[in-house]
Amino acid sequence: MSSNIDWNDVIKKEAKGSNDFDLGEVQEVSNGLILTQRGIGNKEIFSIPQYKVESYDGKALRFAVSEDEALNKFMKRFDADSTK
C-alpha cells in the first residue's frame, strides 16, 4: 500500500480492482477499511481492507483484489425494496 495517499482525497473517486473490475465509488475510509458503493437501486457495498490498495492516480483508487475475491469476500448487497 502506498503510504503517501491523502485518504480524504479518495472520497467520491472511482474504485477499481484487478483487470479494471468496477468497485464503484469510494464512500468512506475508516478503521483500516475502505467502503465503496456501486449501483443505484440495488446497492452493492464493498468493505475492503486498506492494505489491499495498490495505487491512487488522483482519479481512481486501485486495489489488488480480483473480481471473484471482491464478490465473495468483500461485498454486501442491499436491495432497494427490502420488504419483498
Protein backbone atom coordinates (compact mmCIF):
# COMPACT_ATOMS: atom_id res chain seq x y z
CA MET A 1 0.00 0.00 0.00
CA SER A 2 1.18 3.47 -0.78
CA SER A 3 1.52 5.41 2.46
CA ASN A 4 1.58 8.82 0.75
CA ILE A 5 -2.09 8.69 -0.28
CA ASP A 6 -4.27 11.51 1.04
CA TRP A 7 -7.20 9.40 2.24
CA ASN A 8 -9.53 12.41 2.37
CA ASP A 9 -8.90 12.94 -1.35
CA VAL A 10 -10.09 9.44 -2.37
CA ILE A 11 -13.69 10.02 -1.19
CA LYS A 12 -16.11 10.12 -4.17
CA LYS A 13 -13.43 8.78 -6.53
CA GLU A 14 -13.65 5.61 -8.63
CA ALA A 15 -12.55 2.32 -7.11
CA LYS A 16 -11.10 -0.40 -9.35
CA GLY A 17 -9.94 -3.93 -8.71
CA SER A 18 -7.71 -6.15 -10.82
CA ASN A 19 -8.38 -6.02 -14.57
CA ASP A 20 -10.31 -2.74 -14.06
CA PHE A 21 -13.12 -4.52 -12.19
CA ASP A 22 -15.61 -1.82 -11.11
CA LEU A 23 -15.85 -1.47 -7.34
CA GLY A 24 -17.99 1.67 -7.55
CA GLU A 25 -17.21 4.91 -5.76
CA VAL A 26 -15.29 5.37 -2.52
CA GLN A 27 -17.70 6.42 0.24
CA GLU A 28 -15.63 6.26 3.41
CA VAL A 29 -12.20 5.41 4.81
CA SER A 30 -12.09 4.40 8.47
CA ASN A 31 -10.59 1.86 10.84
CA GLY A 32 -8.37 0.37 8.15
CA LEU A 33 -11.29 -0.26 5.78
CA ILE A 34 -12.39 1.45 2.60
CA LEU A 35 -16.11 1.39 1.85
CA THR A 36 -17.14 1.62 -1.78
CA GLN A 37 -20.61 1.57 -3.31
CA ARG A 38 -21.92 0.78 -6.77
CA GLY A 39 -25.42 0.63 -8.19
CA ILE A 40 -28.44 2.88 -7.87
CA GLY A 41 -31.45 0.72 -6.91
CA ASN A 42 -29.73 -2.43 -5.74
CA LYS A 43 -26.69 -1.08 -3.99
CA GLU A 44 -23.60 -3.18 -3.63
CA ILE A 45 -21.26 -2.17 -0.85
CA PHE A 46 -17.67 -3.35 -0.72
CA SER A 47 -15.68 -3.18 2.51
CA ILE A 48 -12.05 -3.63 1.50
CA PRO A 49 -9.02 -3.52 3.81
CA GLN A 50 -6.73 -0.53 3.22
CA TYR A 51 -3.71 -2.80 2.81
CA LYS A 52 -5.26 -4.05 -0.46
CA VAL A 53 -4.75 -0.62 -2.08
CA GLU A 54 -2.23 -0.72 -4.93
CA SER A 55 -2.25 2.87 -6.15
CA TYR A 56 -4.13 6.14 -6.47
CA ASP A 57 -3.71 8.39 -9.52
CA GLY A 58 -5.99 11.26 -8.48
CA LYS A 59 -8.99 9.78 -10.34
CA ALA A 60 -9.18 6.13 -9.32
CA LEU A 61 -8.16 4.12 -6.28
CA ARG A 62 -6.83 0.75 -7.42
CA PHE A 63 -6.98 -2.40 -5.31
CA ALA A 64 -5.08 -5.68 -5.56
CA VAL A 65 -8.40 -7.53 -5.49
CA SER A 66 -9.78 -9.89 -8.14
CA GLU A 67 -13.44 -9.79 -9.19
CA ASP A 68 -14.00 -13.17 -7.52
CA GLU A 69 -12.37 -12.05 -4.27
CA ALA A 70 -14.35 -8.78 -4.26
CA LEU A 71 -17.69 -10.50 -4.82
CA ASN A 72 -17.12 -13.37 -2.39
CA LYS A 73 -15.15 -11.76 0.44
CA PHE A 74 -15.83 -8.04 0.49
CA MET A 75 -19.33 -7.42 -0.93
CA LYS A 76 -22.54 -6.72 0.96
CA ARG A 77 -25.74 -6.27 -1.06
CA PHE A 78 -28.71 -4.07 -0.24
CA ASP A 79 -31.94 -4.23 -2.24
CA ALA A 80 -33.87 -1.03 -2.90
CA ASP A 81 -37.08 -2.62 -1.61
CA SER A 82 -36.29 -4.97 1.25
CA THR A 83 -39.97 -5.68 2.03
CA LYS A 84 -40.27 -8.22 -0.83
